[in-house]
Amino acid sequence: MDKEMDKEMDKDMDNEIMDKEMDKEMDNDKEIQEMMGDNDKEIQEQQQQQQQEMDKEMEMEMDKKMDNDDKEIQQEEEQQQQEMEQEMEMDDEDEQQLEDEEQQWQEMNVLEMHAISIHVKLLDAAANDEDVDFEQCDGQQDHHQFDHRSLGRSARRKFRHDHARQCIMRDYLGTNALMGAEFKLMFRITRGRFQHLMESIAATGSSYYVKRGKNSKHVASFEAKLLLPLKTLAYGVPPHCFSDYFQMSSTMAKDCCVMFDKAVSKVYKKEYLRVPTAADIKNICRLHKAAHNVDGMIGSLDCSHTYWKNCPKAWQGSYSGKEKKPSIVLEAISDYHLFFWHASYGYAGTLNDINILKLSPFLDRLIDGSMDEDEKEAGVVPYTINNEEFQKAFILVDGIYPLWTRFVRGIKEPCGQKEKVFTGWQEGARKDIERAFGVLKGKFQFMETPIKLMDLKQIGKRVTTCLILHNVCVHDRIMEQDYEATYNPAVSLLDDENFIVEQPPDIQEYGGVRVANPANIGVDRLHISDVEQHLTRKDRFLQLIDQQECARLFGALMEYHYNLVGNKE
C-alpha cells in the first residue's frame, strides 16, 4: 500500500511540474506576442512618419514647381512686354528717320530747282547778250546750303502695307472682290477654308501674326502673311516674286513662308497627316469595296521624286539617281479619294523603292503588330475572297516591290485570260496613288518645279505643308466644305446597307461606321491572345514574307476577278 501511495505521490508531483512548465510556456508566448505587437506598432509608426515625410517632400516639390512655372510665365510676359516696347520704339525711330529723309530729299529738290533756274538764266542771257549777276545767284544758293555727306548712300524703301491690304480686299477677300471667283485657282484652297485657316492660326496666339506698332501701315497685314506663302507653293516660285504685290522685302517674304509652315503644321498636322485609326481602316476598306469591288484593300503604295536644283555640290553624288539629277524621294499611300494616309519624305534619290521601304516607318508598323491590331479592332479581318479566308489586309504596289503577303502587284508578262484580267484590274486600281501624286504636283507646283532651297530641313517643312494642304483640299471635296468634320472616306456610303461590314461587339456599341467623326471613337484595344503577345518582330517579318500565303492571295484574286469579269467576256 505504501508503495502505491508513493507512486501516486510521484505522479502528482510530476503533474504539478508539467503544469508549471506549461504555465511558463504560456507566459513566454504572451511575452513574445506583446513584443511582436510593440514591434508592429513601431513599424507602423515609422511607416506613417516616412509617408508623412514623403507627402511633405512632394508638396514642397509641387510648390517649387508652381513657383518656377509662375516665375517663367512672369518672365515670358516681361520679355514679351519688353519686345513690344522695343518694337514700338523702333517704329517711332523709323517714322522719325523717314521724316528726316523726306525733309532731306525736299531740300535736295529745292537745290535742283535752283540749279535749273540758274541754267535757264544763263541760256537766256547768252541768247540776249546780257550779263548775269552771279553774286545774286550765289546768295540764293547760300540761302539753300546743304551738306550732301549727311545723306546715306540710298534712300530706304517705304512699303505701303495698308495699300497692299486694300488691294487684297479689293481683288480677293472683299464682298464684291474682283477676283473672288478665281480665288481657288490662284491659291488652291477655297475662301471659306482660308477664313477657317486664319481663325485657327489666330487662335494659337502666335505673336508673329499679331499686328504691332501704332500705325498698321508699317506692319504687313495678317492676310498678306498667309496669301504670299500659299501663292509661292501654288506656283513653285521664290517668295520675292510676289513681294511687289504684297509690299514686302525679300527677307520678310522668306520669313512669312517659314512661319506659315510652322503655323500650318501646328494647326492641321495632327488631323490631316494622322496615322489611320481602326475606324479609318474600316472606312477605307468599305470605300475600296465600293470603288474596286474587293475586300481587304487599304490603299496603294508608291514613291515619287522631287528635283533638287540647288543641292550642295558635295551631296550631289548621293542624291543623283537614274535621271542623273539630284532628287529627294517621297513615299506615300493613298486611298481612292487621293487622301494620303502615309507620307515619308527626305530619302536620297539614289535609293530605289525597296531600299526606301526598308527605311520607312510603314514597315515598322507592319512588323511591330500595330497594323494587325488596328485591323482586328476595325473588324476588316478576316475577309473572304473566292471562298478563301485571309487574316491580313493588302496594299497594291508596282513590280519592283517584293512578293509579300501584304503586297499585291501585277504580272509583268501575263499569260492566259486569268492573268490578263487580274493584271488589268491591279494596274487600274493602283492608279489611285499615281493620280494622287499627279494632283499633288499639279496643284502645288513647288513639288513639280526644281526646288531652289538649299536647307534640307526647310525643304521637308515646305513639302509637309504641301501634303497637309493637299489632304485639306481632299477633305473639303469629300466632306462638302464641312470644315469642322473629320475626314471619312466612306461618308458617301453611310446610308448604303450593301456595304455594311459586320464588326466585333465592342465596336458596334459605338455605332460602327455610322458615327459622324470616326477618328474620335474611343474604342478599347481588343484582347490579344498570349501567342500573339509573344510574337517577336522576327516572327511577324517571317509571316510577312510567307510565299505560300502570298501565292494563295494571288490565286484567289485571279479567280475572283476572272469569275467576275472574264466569264462575261
Protein backbone atom coordinates (compact mmCIF):
# COMPACT_ATOMS: atom_id res chain seq x y z
CA MET A 1 0.00 0.00 0.00
CA ASP A 2 2.79 2.36 0.92
CA LYS A 3 4.44 1.71 -2.40
CA GLU A 4 1.26 2.50 -4.24
CA MET A 5 0.80 5.66 -2.25
CA ASP A 6 4.37 6.70 -3.06
CA LYS A 7 3.76 6.10 -6.75
CA GLU A 8 0.62 8.22 -6.66
CA MET A 9 2.50 10.97 -4.88
CA ASP A 10 5.24 10.86 -7.51
CA LYS A 11 2.65 11.11 -10.26
CA ASP A 12 1.06 14.11 -8.61
CA MET A 13 4.44 15.77 -8.31
CA ASP A 14 5.16 15.12 -11.98
CA ASN A 15 1.78 16.59 -12.95
CA GLU A 16 2.45 19.69 -10.92
CA ILE A 17 5.83 20.09 -12.56
CA MET A 18 4.27 19.66 -16.00
CA ASP A 19 1.61 22.27 -15.17
CA LYS A 20 4.23 24.73 -14.05
CA GLU A 21 6.19 24.23 -17.26
CA MET A 22 3.04 24.73 -19.30
CA ASP A 23 2.32 27.94 -17.41
CA LYS A 24 5.83 29.17 -18.08
CA GLU A 25 5.46 28.42 -21.76
CA MET A 26 2.15 30.28 -21.84
CA ASP A 27 3.77 33.24 -20.11
CA ASN A 28 6.64 33.19 -22.61
CA ASP A 29 4.18 33.11 -25.54
CA LYS A 30 2.32 36.09 -24.14
CA GLU A 31 5.56 38.00 -23.71
CA ILE A 32 6.58 37.17 -27.28
CA GLN A 33 3.18 38.29 -28.61
CA GLU A 34 3.41 41.51 -26.65
CA MET A 35 6.91 42.09 -28.03
CA MET A 36 5.67 41.41 -31.60
CA GLY A 37 2.75 43.77 -31.13
CA ASP A 38 5.07 46.51 -29.90
CA ASN A 39 7.35 45.93 -32.90
CA ASP A 40 4.38 46.11 -35.30
CA LYS A 41 3.26 49.37 -33.73
CA GLU A 42 6.76 50.78 -34.05
CA ILE A 43 6.95 49.68 -37.68
CA GLN A 44 3.56 51.23 -38.43
CA GLU A 45 4.56 54.44 -36.73
CA GLN A 46 7.80 54.52 -38.71
CA GLN A 47 5.90 53.89 -41.97
CA GLN A 48 3.44 56.64 -41.15
CA GLN A 49 6.28 59.02 -40.39
CA GLN A 50 8.00 58.10 -43.64
CA GLN A 51 4.76 58.56 -45.58
CA GLN A 52 4.22 61.95 -43.96
CA GLU A 53 7.77 62.95 -44.82
CA MET A 54 7.23 61.79 -48.43
CA ASP A 55 4.00 63.78 -48.63
CA LYS A 56 5.74 66.85 -47.27
CA GLU A 57 8.56 66.45 -49.81
CA MET A 58 6.03 66.04 -52.64
CA GLU A 59 4.19 69.13 -51.50
CA MET A 60 7.44 71.06 -51.33
CA GLU A 61 8.40 69.91 -54.83
CA MET A 62 4.96 70.81 -56.19
CA ASP A 63 5.18 74.23 -54.57
CA LYS A 64 8.63 74.75 -56.07
CA LYS A 65 7.39 73.68 -59.50
CA MET A 66 4.41 76.00 -59.25
CA ASP A 67 6.68 78.85 -58.18
CA ASN A 68 9.08 78.11 -61.04
CA ASP A 69 6.22 77.96 -63.53
CA ASP A 70 4.82 81.25 -62.24
CA LYS A 71 8.28 82.81 -62.48
CA GLU A 72 8.73 81.52 -66.03
CA ILE A 73 5.33 82.84 -67.03
CA GLN A 74 6.12 86.21 -65.48
CA GLN A 75 9.50 86.28 -67.22
CA GLU A 76 7.90 85.43 -70.56
CA GLU A 77 5.31 88.14 -70.10
CA GLU A 78 8.00 90.64 -69.17
CA GLN A 79 10.06 89.61 -72.20
CA GLN A 80 7.06 89.97 -74.49
CA GLN A 81 6.29 93.37 -72.98
CA GLN A 82 9.90 94.45 -73.44
CA GLU A 83 9.84 93.24 -77.04
CA MET A 84 6.64 95.15 -77.66
CA GLU A 85 8.16 98.31 -76.16
CA GLN A 86 11.34 97.88 -78.19
CA GLU A 87 9.36 97.42 -81.37
CA MET A 88 7.26 100.47 -80.53
CA GLU A 89 10.46 102.46 -80.05
CA MET A 90 11.86 101.09 -83.31
CA ASP A 91 8.65 102.09 -85.09
CA ASP A 92 8.96 105.61 -83.67
CA GLU A 93 12.60 105.78 -84.73
CA ASP A 94 11.70 104.52 -88.20
CA GLU A 95 9.00 107.15 -88.50
CA GLN A 96 11.40 109.87 -87.42
CA GLN A 97 14.04 108.60 -89.83
CA LEU A 98 11.53 108.57 -92.67
CA GLU A 99 10.52 112.14 -91.87
CA ASP A 100 14.16 113.24 -91.79
CA GLU A 101 14.87 111.57 -95.10
CA GLU A 102 11.81 113.15 -96.69
CA GLN A 103 12.93 116.58 -95.47
CA GLN A 104 16.41 115.97 -96.88
CA TRP A 105 15.01 114.96 -100.23
CA GLN A 106 12.81 118.03 -100.28
CA GLU A 107 15.88 120.21 -99.69
CA MET A 108 17.67 118.34 -102.47
CA ASN A 109 14.77 119.02 -104.79
CA VAL A 110 14.96 122.74 -103.93
CA LEU A 111 18.67 122.75 -104.79
CA GLU A 112 17.98 121.00 -108.07
CA MET A 113 15.29 123.53 -108.92
CA HIS A 114 17.68 126.37 -108.06
CA ALA A 115 20.37 124.90 -110.32
CA ILE A 116 17.87 124.57 -113.13
CA SER A 117 16.77 128.18 -112.71
CA ILE A 118 20.41 129.38 -112.89
CA HIS A 119 20.94 127.29 -116.01
CA VAL A 120 17.84 128.84 -117.60
CA LYS A 121 19.05 132.32 -116.74
CA LEU A 122 22.42 131.61 -118.35
CA LEU A 123 20.75 130.39 -121.50
CA ASP A 124 18.52 133.48 -121.65
CA ALA A 125 21.49 135.79 -121.05
CA ALA A 126 23.51 134.08 -123.76
CA ALA A 127 20.64 134.43 -126.17
CA ASN A 128 20.13 138.16 -125.38
CA ASP A 129 23.87 139.02 -124.97
CA GLU A 130 23.28 140.14 -121.39
CA ASP A 131 25.37 139.82 -118.21
CA VAL A 132 24.28 137.63 -115.33
CA ASP A 133 24.54 138.72 -111.67
CA PHE A 134 26.32 135.67 -110.21
CA GLU A 135 26.55 137.24 -106.74
CA GLN A 136 22.78 137.24 -106.54
CA CYS A 137 22.70 133.61 -107.62
CA ASP A 138 25.40 132.72 -105.06
CA GLY A 139 23.36 134.45 -102.37
CA GLN A 140 20.34 132.41 -103.26
CA GLN A 141 22.44 129.24 -103.24
CA ASP A 142 23.89 130.06 -99.82
CA HIS A 143 20.37 130.52 -98.56
CA HIS A 144 19.69 126.84 -99.50
CA GLN A 145 23.07 125.46 -98.41
CA PHE A 146 23.00 121.68 -97.79
CA ASP A 147 25.62 119.13 -96.73
CA HIS A 148 25.45 116.17 -99.11
CA ARG A 149 27.60 113.99 -96.82
CA SER A 150 24.75 113.71 -94.32
CA LEU A 151 22.68 111.77 -96.87
CA GLY A 152 23.01 107.97 -96.97
CA ARG A 153 24.03 106.01 -99.99
CA SER A 154 20.45 105.14 -100.89
CA ALA A 155 17.03 106.04 -99.57
CA ARG A 156 15.16 103.43 -97.55
CA ARG A 157 12.29 101.76 -99.36
CA LYS A 158 8.90 102.58 -97.94
CA PHE A 159 6.48 99.66 -98.29
CA ARG A 160 2.82 100.63 -98.16
CA HIS A 161 1.32 97.71 -96.23
CA ASP A 162 -2.01 99.49 -95.93
CA HIS A 163 -2.22 99.79 -99.71
CA ALA A 164 -1.33 96.10 -100.06
CA ARG A 165 -4.19 95.14 -97.75
CA GLN A 166 -6.57 97.35 -99.69
CA CYS A 167 -5.54 95.59 -102.89
CA ILE A 168 -6.03 92.17 -101.27
CA MET A 169 -9.52 93.09 -100.07
CA ARG A 170 -10.38 94.62 -103.44
CA ASP A 171 -9.11 91.68 -105.50
CA TYR A 172 -9.73 88.57 -103.37
CA LEU A 173 -11.34 88.91 -99.95
CA GLY A 174 -13.84 91.77 -100.23
CA THR A 175 -17.60 91.41 -100.54
CA ASN A 176 -17.54 92.10 -104.28
CA ALA A 177 -13.96 91.01 -104.92
CA LEU A 178 -12.69 91.46 -108.43
CA MET A 179 -11.01 88.00 -108.50
CA GLY A 180 -13.22 86.32 -105.87
CA ALA A 181 -14.35 83.60 -108.27
CA GLU A 182 -10.71 82.80 -109.14
CA PHE A 183 -9.51 82.64 -105.50
CA LYS A 184 -9.27 78.82 -105.52
CA LEU A 185 -7.48 78.92 -108.86
CA MET A 186 -4.91 81.37 -107.52
CA PHE A 187 -4.32 79.96 -104.03
CA ARG A 188 -5.54 76.30 -104.37
CA ILE A 189 -7.92 76.50 -101.40
CA THR A 190 -11.39 78.00 -101.12
CA ARG A 191 -12.15 81.31 -99.47
CA GLY A 192 -14.06 79.50 -96.74
CA ARG A 193 -11.10 77.28 -95.96
CA PHE A 194 -8.79 80.32 -95.97
CA GLN A 195 -11.05 82.01 -93.44
CA HIS A 196 -11.01 78.86 -91.29
CA LEU A 197 -7.20 78.75 -91.56
CA MET A 198 -6.95 82.38 -90.46
CA GLU A 199 -9.17 81.77 -87.45
CA SER A 200 -7.27 78.62 -86.47
CA ILE A 201 -3.87 80.33 -86.66
CA ALA A 202 -5.16 83.35 -84.76
CA ALA A 203 -6.47 81.03 -82.03
CA THR A 204 -2.92 79.72 -81.46
CA GLY A 205 -1.88 83.17 -80.24
CA SER A 206 1.20 83.35 -82.45
CA SER A 207 2.87 86.71 -81.90
CA TYR A 208 4.11 86.80 -85.50
CA TYR A 209 0.61 87.24 -86.87
CA VAL A 210 -0.46 89.94 -84.40
CA LYS A 211 -0.30 93.49 -85.68
CA ARG A 212 2.19 95.70 -83.85
CA GLY A 213 3.06 99.35 -83.86
CA LYS A 214 0.99 102.49 -83.52
CA ASN A 215 0.14 102.59 -87.18
CA SER A 216 -0.80 99.45 -89.07
CA LYS A 217 0.57 100.84 -92.34
CA HIS A 218 4.09 100.00 -91.12
CA VAL A 219 3.20 96.31 -90.49
CA ALA A 220 2.28 93.67 -93.07
CA SER A 221 -1.32 92.51 -92.74
CA PHE A 222 -2.39 89.10 -91.47
CA GLU A 223 -3.91 88.28 -94.88
CA ALA A 224 -0.72 89.14 -96.75
CA LYS A 225 1.40 86.95 -94.45
CA LEU A 226 -0.80 83.95 -95.35
CA LEU A 227 -1.56 84.59 -99.01
CA LEU A 228 2.05 85.08 -100.11
CA PRO A 229 3.24 81.61 -98.88
CA LEU A 230 0.16 79.99 -100.41
CA LYS A 231 0.89 81.55 -103.78
CA THR A 232 4.57 80.56 -103.70
CA LEU A 233 3.59 76.92 -103.07
CA ALA A 234 0.93 77.06 -105.78
CA TYR A 235 3.26 78.38 -108.48
CA GLY A 236 6.58 76.98 -107.25
CA VAL A 237 8.47 80.29 -107.32
CA PRO A 238 10.71 82.02 -104.75
CA PRO A 239 8.98 84.27 -102.19
CA HIS A 240 10.39 87.52 -103.62
CA CYS A 241 8.42 87.04 -106.86
CA PHE A 242 5.24 88.34 -105.19
CA SER A 243 6.86 90.84 -102.84
CA ASP A 244 5.81 93.76 -105.08
CA TYR A 245 2.08 92.99 -104.83
CA PHE A 246 2.15 92.21 -101.11
CA GLN A 247 4.56 95.12 -100.38
CA MET A 248 7.25 93.14 -98.56
CA SER A 249 11.00 92.88 -98.73
CA SER A 250 12.51 89.60 -99.90
CA THR A 251 13.69 88.83 -96.36
CA MET A 252 10.25 89.36 -94.90
CA ALA A 253 8.70 87.23 -97.65
CA LYS A 254 11.04 84.34 -96.72
CA ASP A 255 10.16 84.76 -93.04
CA CYS A 256 6.46 84.61 -93.95
CA CYS A 257 6.99 81.25 -95.66
CA VAL A 258 8.92 79.81 -92.70
CA MET A 259 6.34 80.95 -90.15
CA PHE A 260 3.49 79.77 -92.38
CA ASP A 261 4.92 76.24 -92.46
CA LYS A 262 5.15 76.20 -88.66
CA ALA A 263 1.62 77.52 -88.23
CA VAL A 264 0.02 75.07 -90.68
CA SER A 265 1.81 72.10 -89.09
CA LYS A 266 0.72 73.22 -85.63
CA VAL A 267 -2.92 73.66 -86.65
CA TYR A 268 -3.55 70.86 -89.17
CA LYS A 269 -0.82 68.21 -88.97
CA LYS A 270 -2.42 66.18 -86.18
CA GLU A 271 -5.62 65.74 -88.18
CA TYR A 272 -4.56 65.71 -91.82
CA LEU A 273 -1.34 63.67 -91.53
CA ARG A 274 -2.59 61.23 -88.92
CA VAL A 275 -1.91 57.51 -88.78
CA PRO A 276 -5.18 55.73 -89.70
CA THR A 277 -7.15 54.53 -86.71
CA ALA A 278 -9.24 51.36 -86.58
CA ALA A 279 -12.32 53.32 -87.67
CA ASP A 280 -10.36 54.88 -90.57
CA ILE A 281 -9.16 51.45 -91.74
CA LYS A 282 -12.72 50.13 -91.72
CA ASN A 283 -13.97 53.09 -93.76
CA ILE A 284 -11.06 52.79 -96.22
CA CYS A 285 -11.85 49.13 -96.82
CA ARG A 286 -15.52 49.95 -97.35
CA LEU A 287 -14.55 52.68 -99.85
CA HIS A 288 -12.36 50.31 -101.86
CA LYS A 289 -15.03 47.63 -101.75
CA ALA A 290 -17.34 50.09 -103.49
CA ALA A 291 -14.69 51.54 -105.85
CA HIS A 292 -12.65 48.44 -106.77
CA ASN A 293 -15.06 45.64 -105.82
CA VAL A 294 -12.69 43.80 -103.49
CA ASP A 295 -12.42 43.27 -99.73
CA GLY A 296 -9.29 43.83 -97.63
CA MET A 297 -7.68 46.62 -99.70
CA ILE A 298 -6.32 49.55 -97.67
CA GLY A 299 -4.62 51.62 -100.39
CA SER A 300 -1.85 51.92 -102.97
CA LEU A 301 1.85 52.41 -102.22
CA ASP A 302 4.47 54.10 -104.40
CA CYS A 303 7.34 56.62 -104.44
CA SER A 304 7.82 59.91 -106.27
CA HIS A 305 10.93 62.04 -106.89
CA THR A 306 11.26 65.82 -106.49
CA TYR A 307 14.14 67.52 -108.35
CA TRP A 308 16.56 69.40 -106.05
CA LYS A 309 18.13 72.15 -108.17
CA ASN A 310 20.34 73.76 -105.51
CA CYS A 311 21.63 70.56 -103.96
CA PRO A 312 25.09 71.17 -102.41
CA LYS A 313 27.90 70.03 -104.67
CA ALA A 314 29.27 67.60 -102.07
CA TRP A 315 25.89 65.83 -101.82
CA GLN A 316 25.02 65.55 -105.49
CA GLY A 317 26.61 62.12 -105.83
CA SER A 318 24.43 60.74 -103.02
CA TYR A 319 21.21 62.33 -104.29
CA SER A 320 21.55 61.76 -108.04
CA GLY A 321 19.67 58.67 -109.21
CA LYS A 322 18.98 57.17 -112.59
CA GLU A 323 17.92 60.54 -114.01
CA LYS A 324 21.41 61.92 -113.27
CA LYS A 325 19.87 64.81 -111.34
CA PRO A 326 19.76 65.35 -107.56
CA SER A 327 16.35 64.42 -106.22
CA ILE A 328 14.54 63.73 -102.96
CA VAL A 329 12.05 60.87 -102.69
CA LEU A 330 8.55 60.87 -101.23
CA GLU A 331 6.94 57.55 -100.20
CA ALA A 332 3.16 57.63 -99.77
CA ILE A 333 -0.03 55.55 -99.51
CA SER A 334 -3.33 56.98 -100.73
CA ASP A 335 -6.93 55.83 -100.97
CA TYR A 336 -9.38 56.12 -103.87
CA HIS A 337 -10.21 59.74 -102.94
CA LEU A 338 -6.46 60.64 -103.17
CA PHE A 339 -6.10 61.24 -99.42
CA PHE A 340 -2.56 60.44 -98.19
CA TRP A 341 -2.67 58.06 -95.19
CA HIS A 342 1.09 57.63 -95.07
CA ALA A 343 3.82 60.01 -96.25
CA SER A 344 7.56 59.80 -95.63
CA TYR A 345 9.93 62.29 -97.26
CA GLY A 346 13.66 63.01 -97.35
CA TYR A 347 15.22 59.90 -98.92
CA ALA A 348 18.16 60.32 -101.29
CA GLY A 349 17.45 59.91 -105.00
CA THR A 350 19.97 57.08 -105.32
CA LEU A 351 17.69 54.77 -103.30
CA ASN A 352 15.11 52.64 -105.06
CA ASP A 353 11.66 51.78 -103.74
CA ILE A 354 12.87 48.63 -101.93
CA ASN A 355 15.64 50.50 -100.08
CA ILE A 356 13.18 53.18 -99.07
CA LEU A 357 10.70 50.57 -97.84
CA LYS A 358 13.35 49.11 -95.55
CA LEU A 359 13.90 52.57 -94.03
CA SER A 360 10.23 53.51 -93.94
CA PRO A 361 8.18 53.84 -90.72
CA PHE A 362 5.40 51.99 -92.54
CA LEU A 363 7.45 48.77 -92.43
CA ASP A 364 7.81 49.22 -88.66
CA ARG A 365 4.02 49.29 -88.34
CA LEU A 366 3.78 46.05 -90.30
CA ILE A 367 6.37 44.32 -88.12
CA ASP A 368 5.57 45.63 -84.63
CA GLY A 369 1.98 44.34 -84.79
CA SER A 370 0.16 47.69 -84.55
CA MET A 371 -1.28 47.27 -88.05
CA ASP A 372 -2.63 43.81 -87.24
CA GLU A 373 -4.17 45.08 -84.02
CA ASP A 374 -5.91 48.01 -85.74
CA GLU A 375 -7.31 45.73 -88.43
CA LYS A 376 -8.75 43.41 -85.82
CA GLU A 377 -10.31 46.33 -83.97
CA ALA A 378 -11.86 47.54 -87.20
CA GLY A 379 -13.29 44.12 -87.98
CA VAL A 380 -11.92 44.08 -91.55
CA VAL A 381 -10.13 40.77 -90.95
CA PRO A 382 -10.69 38.01 -91.55
CA TYR A 383 -12.14 38.66 -95.01
CA THR A 384 -13.05 36.27 -97.80
CA ILE A 385 -12.02 36.29 -101.47
CA ASN A 386 -13.22 33.48 -103.74
CA ASN A 387 -14.30 31.39 -100.70
CA GLU A 388 -10.82 31.65 -99.12
CA GLU A 389 -10.22 33.42 -95.81
CA PHE A 390 -7.32 35.82 -95.20
CA GLN A 391 -6.05 37.40 -91.97
CA LYS A 392 -4.15 40.43 -93.30
CA ALA A 393 -5.29 43.35 -95.46
CA PHE A 394 -3.26 44.07 -98.60
CA ILE A 395 -1.82 47.05 -100.50
CA LEU A 396 -1.39 47.50 -104.25
CA VAL A 397 2.22 48.09 -105.42
CA ASP A 398 4.19 48.13 -108.66
CA GLY A 399 6.58 45.47 -109.92
CA ILE A 400 9.70 46.49 -108.00
CA TYR A 401 8.26 45.60 -104.60
CA PRO A 402 8.84 42.09 -103.18
CA LEU A 403 6.24 39.31 -103.07
CA TRP A 404 4.95 39.72 -99.52
CA THR A 405 1.64 38.71 -98.01
CA ARG A 406 0.51 42.36 -97.78
CA PHE A 407 1.66 43.43 -101.27
CA VAL A 408 -0.28 42.70 -104.45
CA ARG A 409 1.49 43.58 -107.70
CA GLY A 410 0.68 42.97 -111.34
CA ILE A 411 2.19 40.32 -113.56
CA LYS A 412 4.86 41.65 -115.92
CA GLU A 413 4.04 39.30 -118.79
CA PRO A 414 0.57 37.83 -118.19
CA CYS A 415 -0.16 34.51 -119.83
CA GLY A 416 -3.73 33.38 -120.17
CA GLN A 417 -7.03 35.12 -119.65
CA LYS A 418 -6.99 34.93 -115.85
CA GLU A 419 -3.63 36.67 -115.53
CA LYS A 420 -4.62 39.33 -118.07
CA VAL A 421 -7.86 40.13 -116.25
CA PHE A 422 -6.11 40.24 -112.87
CA THR A 423 -3.25 42.44 -114.13
CA GLY A 424 -5.69 44.82 -115.79
CA TRP A 425 -7.65 45.20 -112.55
CA GLN A 426 -4.48 45.65 -110.46
CA GLU A 427 -2.98 48.28 -112.77
CA GLY A 428 -6.25 50.18 -112.94
CA ALA A 429 -6.79 50.18 -109.18
CA ARG A 430 -3.17 51.12 -108.47
CA LYS A 431 -3.66 54.33 -110.44
CA ASP A 432 -5.02 55.82 -107.19
CA ILE A 433 -1.52 56.64 -105.96
CA GLU A 434 -0.41 57.84 -109.42
CA ARG A 435 -3.39 60.19 -109.57
CA ALA A 436 -2.63 61.38 -106.04
CA PHE A 437 0.95 62.28 -106.97
CA GLY A 438 -0.25 63.98 -110.16
CA VAL A 439 -2.84 66.10 -108.33
CA LEU A 440 -0.33 66.97 -105.58
CA LYS A 441 2.29 68.20 -108.06
CA GLY A 442 -0.25 69.86 -110.33
CA LYS A 443 -1.94 71.74 -107.51
CA PHE A 444 1.29 72.73 -105.75
CA GLN A 445 3.98 73.43 -108.33
CA PHE A 446 6.59 73.59 -105.58
CA MET A 447 6.64 69.77 -105.75
CA GLU A 448 6.96 69.73 -109.56
CA THR A 449 9.42 72.52 -110.35
CA PRO A 450 13.11 72.30 -109.39
CA ILE A 451 13.45 73.08 -105.68
CA LYS A 452 15.61 76.16 -105.21
CA LEU A 453 16.14 75.90 -101.45
CA MET A 454 19.40 74.54 -100.06
CA ASP A 455 18.40 73.64 -96.49
CA LEU A 456 17.06 70.07 -96.46
CA LYS A 457 15.07 70.63 -93.26
CA GLN A 458 13.37 73.68 -94.73
CA ILE A 459 12.53 71.69 -97.87
CA GLY A 460 10.97 68.98 -95.69
CA LYS A 461 8.81 71.56 -93.91
CA ARG A 462 7.64 73.02 -97.21
CA VAL A 463 6.75 69.57 -98.55
CA THR A 464 4.92 68.77 -95.31
CA THR A 465 2.83 71.91 -95.81
CA CYS A 466 2.02 70.83 -99.39
CA LEU A 467 0.90 67.37 -98.19
CA ILE A 468 -1.26 68.87 -95.44
CA LEU A 469 -2.92 71.34 -97.82
CA HIS A 470 -3.49 68.56 -100.37
CA ASN A 471 -5.30 66.45 -97.76
CA VAL A 472 -7.23 69.56 -96.70
CA CYS A 473 -8.44 70.01 -100.28
CA VAL A 474 -9.49 66.34 -100.46
CA HIS A 475 -11.32 66.70 -97.14
CA ASP A 476 -13.21 69.77 -98.37
CA ARG A 477 -14.19 67.99 -101.59
CA ILE A 478 -15.42 64.79 -99.95
CA MET A 479 -16.95 66.34 -96.82
CA GLU A 480 -18.69 69.05 -98.90
CA GLN A 481 -16.96 72.07 -97.32
CA ASP A 482 -17.73 70.98 -93.74
CA TYR A 483 -14.53 72.36 -92.22
CA GLU A 484 -15.17 71.12 -88.69
CA ALA A 485 -15.94 67.48 -89.62
CA THR A 486 -13.28 64.76 -89.56
CA TYR A 487 -12.42 63.20 -92.91
CA ASN A 488 -14.38 59.98 -93.50
CA PRO A 489 -13.52 58.19 -96.79
CA ALA A 490 -16.78 56.22 -96.70
CA VAL A 491 -19.05 59.20 -95.99
CA SER A 492 -20.94 58.65 -99.26
CA LEU A 493 -21.65 55.02 -98.28
CA LEU A 494 -23.02 55.60 -94.78
CA ASP A 495 -26.63 55.03 -95.85
CA ASP A 496 -25.90 52.15 -98.21
CA GLU A 497 -26.70 48.87 -96.47
CA ASN A 498 -24.94 46.83 -99.15
CA PHE A 499 -21.53 47.90 -97.81
CA ILE A 500 -22.11 47.43 -94.07
CA VAL A 501 -19.47 45.02 -92.74
CA GLU A 502 -20.02 43.02 -89.56
CA GLN A 503 -17.91 44.26 -86.67
CA PRO A 504 -16.89 42.95 -83.25
CA PRO A 505 -19.38 43.65 -80.43
CA ASP A 506 -17.27 46.30 -78.71
CA ILE A 507 -17.10 48.39 -81.89
CA GLN A 508 -20.84 48.02 -82.56
CA GLU A 509 -21.51 49.78 -79.26
CA TYR A 510 -20.18 53.00 -80.81
CA GLY A 511 -22.31 52.80 -83.90
CA GLY A 512 -19.65 51.47 -86.27
CA VAL A 513 -19.24 53.42 -89.48
CA ARG A 514 -22.37 55.49 -88.89
CA VAL A 515 -20.56 57.69 -86.37
CA ALA A 516 -20.02 61.24 -87.72
CA ASN A 517 -16.43 61.57 -86.50
CA PRO A 518 -14.87 58.09 -86.76
CA ALA A 519 -11.36 59.28 -85.83
CA ASN A 520 -12.55 60.29 -82.37
CA ILE A 521 -14.21 57.00 -81.38
CA GLY A 522 -12.90 55.80 -78.03
CA VAL A 523 -12.57 52.08 -78.81
CA ASP A 524 -10.66 49.96 -76.32
CA ARG A 525 -7.94 47.68 -77.66
CA LEU A 526 -9.11 44.15 -78.37
CA HIS A 527 -7.65 41.35 -76.31
CA ILE A 528 -4.64 39.75 -77.95
CA SER A 529 -4.04 36.11 -77.27
CA ASP A 530 -0.97 35.02 -75.35
CA VAL A 531 0.50 33.53 -78.51
CA GLU A 532 0.26 36.84 -80.40
CA GLN A 533 1.61 38.82 -77.48
CA HIS A 534 4.81 36.81 -77.52
CA LEU A 535 5.37 37.19 -81.27
CA THR A 536 8.69 38.90 -81.95
CA ARG A 537 9.48 41.25 -84.81
CA LYS A 538 11.30 38.41 -86.49
CA ASP A 539 8.21 36.17 -86.31
CA ARG A 540 5.99 38.88 -87.79
CA PHE A 541 8.50 39.53 -90.56
CA LEU A 542 8.54 35.84 -91.39
CA GLN A 543 4.76 35.94 -91.61
CA LEU A 544 5.03 39.00 -93.87
CA ILE A 545 7.30 37.25 -96.39
CA ASP A 546 5.40 33.94 -96.36
CA GLN A 547 5.45 32.93 -100.03
CA GLN A 548 2.71 30.31 -99.71
CA GLU A 549 0.27 32.83 -98.23
CA CYS A 550 1.24 35.35 -100.93
CA ALA A 551 0.60 32.80 -103.70
CA ARG A 552 -2.73 31.88 -102.13
CA LEU A 553 -3.82 35.54 -102.13
CA PHE A 554 -2.75 35.99 -105.76
CA GLY A 555 -4.62 32.85 -106.81
CA ALA A 556 -7.79 33.89 -105.01
CA LEU A 557 -7.74 37.37 -106.57
CA MET A 558 -7.17 35.91 -110.05
CA GLU A 559 -10.07 33.50 -109.74
CA TYR A 560 -12.33 36.15 -108.20
CA HIS A 561 -11.79 38.73 -110.96
CA TYR A 562 -11.85 36.15 -113.71
CA ASN A 563 -15.20 34.88 -112.49
CA LEU A 564 -16.41 38.46 -112.11
CA VAL A 565 -15.19 39.84 -115.44
CA GLY A 566 -13.63 37.11 -117.54
CA ASN A 567 -16.74 34.96 -117.92
CA LYS A 568 -18.79 37.95 -119.08
CA GLU A 569 -16.44 38.48 -121.99
